Every structure is written in structure tokens, then in C-alpha cells.
Amino acid sequence: MLHGHPQTHLIWHRVARDVSGRALPCGHYIPEEAPQALLEEIDAFFDYRQPA
């Protein structure tokens, strides 16, 4: 979600096949306001895409 656009993922589905996302409990600067949640999302993103 981008601020003010709660259905941004629908726009991305027009140009990408694999789109995912979720809201984090923070404002505009995610690394400062929710660093642990951001790291968890990044780790999950790369773990999901690594070959088994």
C-alpha cells in the first residue's frame, strides 16, 4: 500500500505476475519507524524466492 492508495497491488498486477505486499505499522519512513518488521519482510521475500 502506498499512502492514500490502499489498492496499489491491483495496479502492479497489470505489469507483474507475482505481486504481494502488506501494510506495516508505520508512516512514511519504514526503515526508521518499523525496522524489525521491514527486515522480516525482506527475509521472507528472499527466502521465498531461493531455490530449494
Protein backbone atom coordinates (compact mmCIF):
# COMPACT_ATOMS: atom_id res chain seq x y z
CA MET A 1 0.00 0.00 0.00
CA LEU A 2 1.19 3.44 -0.79
CA HIS A 3 -0.07 6.29 1.33
CA GLY A 4 -3.54 7.15 0.12
CA HIS A 5 -3.70 4.24 -2.33
CA PRO A 6 -4.83 1.13 -0.40
CA GLN A 7 -5.16 -1.00 -3.55
CA THR A 8 -1.79 -0.33 -5.16
CA HIS A 9 -1.30 -4.06 -5.66
CA LEU A 10 -4.09 -4.03 -8.25
CA ILE A 11 -2.11 -1.56 -10.34
CA TRP A 12 1.05 -3.71 -10.14
CA HIS A 13 -0.90 -6.80 -11.27
CA ARG A 14 -1.21 -5.12 -14.68
CA VAL A 15 2.55 -5.42 -15.28
CA ALA A 16 3.75 -8.24 -13.00
CA ARG A 17 2.59 -11.79 -12.41
CA ASP A 18 3.84 -12.28 -8.84
CA VAL A 19 2.72 -9.39 -6.65
CA SER A 20 2.43 -9.44 -2.88
CA GLY A 21 2.53 -7.00 -0.02
CA ARG A 22 1.12 -5.94 3.29
CA ALA A 23 0.78 -2.86 5.44
CA LEU A 24 3.37 -2.21 8.13
CA PRO A 25 2.62 -0.33 11.35
CA CYS A 26 4.44 2.87 10.46
CA GLY A 27 4.40 6.08 8.49
CA HIS A 28 6.46 7.15 5.51
CA TYR A 29 9.97 6.11 6.56
CA ILE A 30 9.72 2.36 7.12
CA PRO A 31 13.39 1.63 7.99
CA GLU A 32 13.27 4.11 10.86
CA GLU A 33 9.74 3.52 12.12
CA ALA A 34 9.41 -0.28 11.78
CA PRO A 35 12.91 -1.70 11.20
CA GLN A 36 12.21 -5.18 12.58
CA ALA A 37 9.03 -5.62 10.56
CA LEU A 38 10.87 -4.46 7.44
CA LEU A 39 13.71 -6.93 7.99
CA GLU A 40 11.22 -9.77 8.48
CA GLU A 41 9.51 -8.88 5.20
CA ILE A 42 12.82 -8.68 3.32
CA ASP A 43 13.97 -12.03 4.76
CA ALA A 44 10.66 -13.67 3.83
CA PHE A 45 10.87 -12.22 0.31
CA PHE A 46 14.31 -13.64 -0.39
CA ASP A 47 13.66 -16.97 1.37
CA TYR A 48 10.53 -17.45 -0.75
CA ARG A 49 12.44 -16.92 -3.99
CA GLN A 50 15.50 -19.07 -3.28
CA PRO A 51 15.52 -22.49 -4.91
CA ALA A 52 15.08 -25.40 -2.52
